[in-house]
């Protein structure tokens, strides 16, 4: 085995280790948040009824804000957290969970839209995330108004309708696909969509609003049994 092969294997191992560490940190953070919420709920139940009601309302608002922020982070299982909130709070919380879901996904998309690509590319190189950095460099090299044409020229013919012509519908389907955490979760999908700069903000906000409506609407109309 040559020195080049050894360096390549060592580099691959380091990248996989770094990816595993980041994934473990995200899961650990989510688990800690959920444990903290359960502990707070247990403490609130010990209070008098009036104080308990006020504290539970404040906790619910804090949970929704935290949920929206978590949902905007790539590879966080936001859908599962949203379903857990619906199961805990019931149908009355469905409109609030829906609003937090839309807010979190919209936040991820807007961040992707406004972040400076050169700055982000430099940051990714510093973090040794060279593949993502190389993808963004290719995106940044193509003028914004020509990116769809460039994508159409490079993609296999069968992928063109999904990725180019019906890209908004594809995003909506991806957001509702079980296990989408494997491709970044809702936050990751929306962040990449924003970074690509091939989606308009008003249209994407409409897609988010429509794509995330079915489950909260069903819970609101027919109760939490529909998601059990």
Protein backbone atom coordinates (compact mmCIF):
# COMPACT_ATOMS: atom_id res chain seq x y z
CA UNK A 1 0.00 0.00 0.00
CA UNK A 2 1.43 3.37 -1.01
CA UNK A 3 1.76 6.39 1.27
CA UNK A 4 -0.92 8.12 -0.81
CA UNK A 5 -3.35 5.26 -0.16
CA UNK A 6 -2.57 5.34 3.56
CA UNK A 7 -3.14 9.10 3.71
CA UNK A 8 -6.40 8.70 1.82
CA UNK A 9 -7.63 5.98 4.20
CA UNK A 10 -6.56 8.05 7.21
CA UNK A 11 -8.40 11.08 5.85
CA UNK A 12 -11.55 9.03 5.22
CA UNK A 13 -11.40 7.62 8.73
CA UNK A 14 -11.05 11.08 10.23
CA UNK A 15 -14.02 12.39 8.24
CA UNK A 16 -16.18 9.46 9.32
CA UNK A 17 -15.11 9.93 12.93
CA UNK A 18 -15.92 13.66 12.79
CA UNK A 19 -19.30 12.93 11.20
CA UNK A 20 -20.06 10.37 13.90
CA UNK A 21 -19.07 12.79 16.66
CA UNK A 22 -21.27 15.55 15.24
CA UNK A 23 -24.22 13.19 14.84
CA UNK A 24 -23.77 11.93 18.42
CA UNK A 25 -23.63 15.51 19.72
CA UNK A 26 -26.87 16.38 17.92
CA UNK A 27 -28.65 13.29 19.24
CA UNK A 28 -27.29 13.92 22.72
CA UNK A 29 -28.50 17.51 22.63
CA UNK A 30 -31.98 16.49 21.51
CA UNK A 31 -32.15 13.77 24.19
CA UNK A 32 -31.03 16.26 26.85
CA UNK A 33 -33.69 18.76 25.77
CA UNK A 34 -36.45 16.15 25.84
CA UNK A 35 -35.30 14.90 29.26
CA UNK A 36 -35.25 18.47 30.56
CA UNK A 37 -38.78 19.06 29.30
CA UNK A 38 -40.04 15.91 31.03
CA UNK A 39 -38.31 16.97 34.29
CA UNK A 40 -39.87 20.44 34.11
CA UNK A 41 -43.30 18.95 33.48
CA UNK A 42 -42.91 16.73 36.55
CA UNK A 43 -41.98 19.76 38.68
CA UNK A 44 -44.90 21.78 37.33
CA UNK A 45 -47.36 19.04 38.28
CA UNK A 46 -46.32 19.55 41.93
CA UNK A 47 -47.51 23.19 41.90
CA UNK A 48 -50.97 24.44 42.79
CA UNK A 49 -53.53 24.30 39.98
CA UNK A 50 -53.47 27.99 38.97
CA UNK A 51 -49.68 28.24 39.12
CA UNK A 52 -49.39 24.92 37.34
CA UNK A 53 -51.57 26.12 34.47
CA UNK A 54 -49.52 29.29 34.02
CA UNK A 55 -46.25 27.38 34.21
CA UNK A 56 -47.46 24.75 31.74
CA UNK A 57 -48.49 27.49 29.29
CA UNK A 58 -45.06 29.08 29.56
CA UNK A 59 -43.40 25.70 29.13
CA UNK A 60 -45.47 25.00 26.03
CA UNK A 61 -44.44 28.32 24.48
CA UNK A 62 -40.79 27.63 25.31
CA UNK A 63 -41.08 24.13 23.84
CA UNK A 64 -42.52 25.49 20.60
CA UNK A 65 -39.76 28.09 20.26
CA UNK A 66 -37.12 25.45 20.97
CA UNK A 67 -38.82 23.06 18.54
CA UNK A 68 -38.75 25.68 15.77
CA UNK A 69 -35.04 26.31 16.38
CA UNK A 70 -34.22 22.59 16.48
CA UNK A 71 -36.20 21.99 13.31
CA UNK A 72 -34.03 24.53 11.48
CA UNK A 73 -30.88 22.51 12.32
CA UNK A 74 -29.82 19.84 9.79
CA UNK A 75 -30.02 16.20 10.89
CA UNK A 76 -32.29 16.93 13.85
CA UNK A 77 -35.40 14.67 13.91
CA UNK A 78 -37.79 17.59 13.97
CA UNK A 79 -40.83 15.67 12.70
CA UNK A 80 -40.54 13.19 15.55
CA UNK A 81 -40.34 16.04 18.08
CA UNK A 82 -43.40 17.67 16.51
CA UNK A 83 -45.40 14.45 16.72
CA UNK A 84 -44.30 14.06 20.36
CA UNK A 85 -45.59 17.56 21.11
CA UNK A 86 -48.92 16.72 19.49
CA UNK A 87 -49.21 13.51 21.52
CA UNK A 88 -48.35 15.33 24.76
CA UNK A 89 -50.55 18.39 24.32
CA UNK A 90 -53.35 17.00 22.17
CA UNK A 91 -55.42 18.54 19.40
CA UNK A 92 -55.54 22.00 20.95
CA UNK A 93 -51.79 22.38 20.38
CA UNK A 94 -51.98 21.43 16.69
CA UNK A 95 -52.20 25.02 15.34
CA UNK A 96 -49.25 26.10 17.50
CA UNK A 97 -47.14 23.09 16.50
CA UNK A 98 -47.98 23.79 12.87
CA UNK A 99 -46.93 27.43 13.23
CA UNK A 100 -43.65 26.41 14.89
CA UNK A 101 -43.00 23.85 12.14
CA UNK A 102 -43.50 26.41 9.40
CA UNK A 103 -41.34 28.91 11.28
CA UNK A 104 -38.46 26.48 11.79
CA UNK A 105 -38.35 25.27 8.19
CA UNK A 106 -38.72 28.81 6.85
CA UNK A 107 -35.85 29.92 9.10
CA UNK A 108 -33.57 27.22 7.68
CA UNK A 109 -34.45 28.21 4.11
CA UNK A 110 -33.98 31.94 4.70
CA UNK A 111 -30.61 31.33 6.39
CA UNK A 112 -29.55 29.37 3.31
CA UNK A 113 -30.74 32.19 1.08
CA UNK A 114 -28.93 35.02 2.82
CA UNK A 115 -25.70 33.43 4.06
CA UNK A 116 -22.58 34.44 2.12
CA UNK A 117 -21.44 31.48 0.03
CA UNK A 118 -17.72 32.46 0.02
CA UNK A 119 -17.79 32.79 3.82
CA UNK A 120 -19.57 29.44 4.21
CA UNK A 121 -17.16 27.74 1.79
CA UNK A 122 -14.22 29.00 3.84
CA UNK A 123 -15.84 27.76 7.06
CA UNK A 124 -16.47 24.32 5.57
CA UNK A 125 -12.84 24.07 4.46
CA UNK A 126 -11.77 24.94 8.00
CA UNK A 127 -14.02 22.14 9.30
CA UNK A 128 -12.54 19.76 6.69
CA UNK A 129 -15.96 19.29 5.06
CA UNK A 130 -14.39 19.45 1.63
CA UNK A 131 -17.10 17.68 -0.36
CA UNK A 132 -19.80 20.11 0.71
CA UNK A 133 -17.39 23.00 0.18
CA UNK A 134 -16.61 21.78 -3.35
CA UNK A 135 -20.35 21.54 -4.14
CA UNK A 136 -20.91 25.09 -2.96
CA UNK A 137 -17.92 26.29 -4.98
CA UNK A 138 -19.49 24.80 -8.10
CA UNK A 139 -22.80 26.46 -7.22
CA UNK A 140 -21.11 29.80 -6.62
CA UNK A 141 -19.22 29.64 -9.94
CA UNK A 142 -22.48 29.56 -11.94
CA UNK A 143 -24.48 32.82 -12.23
CA UNK A 144 -27.75 32.58 -10.34
CA UNK A 145 -29.95 32.99 -13.41
CA UNK A 146 -28.13 30.13 -15.18
CA UNK A 147 -28.10 27.53 -12.40
CA UNK A 148 -31.24 25.70 -13.49
CA UNK A 149 -29.89 25.37 -17.02
CA UNK A 150 -26.56 24.14 -15.66
CA UNK A 151 -28.31 21.55 -13.49
CA UNK A 152 -30.42 20.41 -16.43
CA UNK A 153 -27.32 19.91 -18.57
CA UNK A 154 -25.49 17.82 -15.95
CA UNK A 155 -28.29 15.65 -14.58
CA UNK A 156 -29.46 12.34 -16.10
CA UNK A 157 -32.57 12.84 -18.20
CA UNK A 158 -34.86 11.00 -15.79
CA UNK A 159 -33.84 13.28 -12.92
CA UNK A 160 -34.43 16.57 -14.73
CA UNK A 161 -38.21 16.72 -14.13
CA UNK A 162 -37.78 15.97 -10.41
CA UNK A 163 -34.87 18.28 -9.68
CA UNK A 164 -35.56 21.10 -12.14
CA UNK A 165 -39.08 21.24 -13.52
CA UNK A 166 -40.98 19.99 -10.46
CA UNK A 167 -38.42 21.01 -7.82
CA UNK A 168 -41.02 22.55 -5.49
CA UNK A 169 -43.11 19.37 -5.50
CA UNK A 170 -39.96 17.34 -4.90
CA UNK A 171 -39.15 19.45 -1.84
CA UNK A 172 -42.69 18.98 -0.52
CA UNK A 173 -42.42 15.20 -0.92
CA UNK A 174 -38.98 15.13 0.71
CA UNK A 175 -40.28 17.01 3.74
CA UNK A 176 -43.00 14.39 4.23
CA UNK A 177 -40.86 11.33 3.53
CA UNK A 178 -40.34 9.11 6.62
CA UNK A 179 -36.68 8.82 7.54
CA UNK A 180 -35.64 11.99 5.74
CA UNK A 181 -33.16 12.60 8.56
CA UNK A 182 -30.82 10.43 6.47
CA UNK A 183 -30.64 13.28 3.94
CA UNK A 184 -30.51 16.07 6.49
CA UNK A 185 -34.02 16.17 7.91
CA UNK A 186 -36.38 19.07 7.29
CA UNK A 187 -33.81 21.64 8.37
CA UNK A 188 -31.09 20.20 6.15
CA UNK A 189 -33.38 19.95 3.13
CA UNK A 190 -34.48 23.55 3.47
CA UNK A 191 -30.96 24.82 4.14
CA UNK A 192 -29.64 23.16 0.98
CA UNK A 193 -32.63 24.48 -0.97
CA UNK A 194 -31.76 27.98 0.20
CA UNK A 195 -28.06 27.57 -0.57
CA UNK A 196 -28.83 26.43 -4.12
CA UNK A 197 -30.48 29.81 -4.79
CA UNK A 198 -32.84 28.27 -7.38
CA UNK A 199 -36.01 28.71 -5.31
CA UNK A 200 -37.94 31.93 -4.75
CA UNK A 201 -38.75 32.79 -1.15
CA UNK A 202 -42.53 33.41 -1.53
CA UNK A 203 -43.05 30.15 -3.45
CA UNK A 204 -40.97 28.17 -0.97
CA UNK A 205 -42.84 29.60 2.01
CA UNK A 206 -46.09 28.51 0.36
CA UNK A 207 -44.66 25.02 -0.22
CA UNK A 208 -43.63 24.78 3.44
CA UNK A 209 -47.06 25.92 4.62
CA UNK A 210 -48.89 23.39 2.44
CA UNK A 211 -46.49 20.46 2.88
CA UNK A 212 -46.52 20.61 6.69
CA UNK A 213 -50.27 21.13 7.09
CA UNK A 214 -51.74 17.60 6.73
CA UNK A 215 -50.65 16.06 10.06
CA UNK A 216 -51.45 19.04 12.35
CA UNK A 217 -54.73 19.58 10.51
CA UNK A 218 -55.69 15.92 10.91
CA UNK A 219 -54.84 16.01 14.62
CA UNK A 220 -56.79 19.24 15.08
CA UNK A 221 -59.89 17.80 13.35
CA UNK A 222 -59.84 14.16 14.53
CA UNK A 223 -57.57 14.03 17.57
CA UNK A 224 -54.18 12.52 18.34
CA UNK A 225 -55.29 8.97 17.52
CA UNK A 226 -54.51 9.65 13.85
CA UNK A 227 -50.76 9.80 14.63
CA UNK A 228 -50.56 6.98 17.17
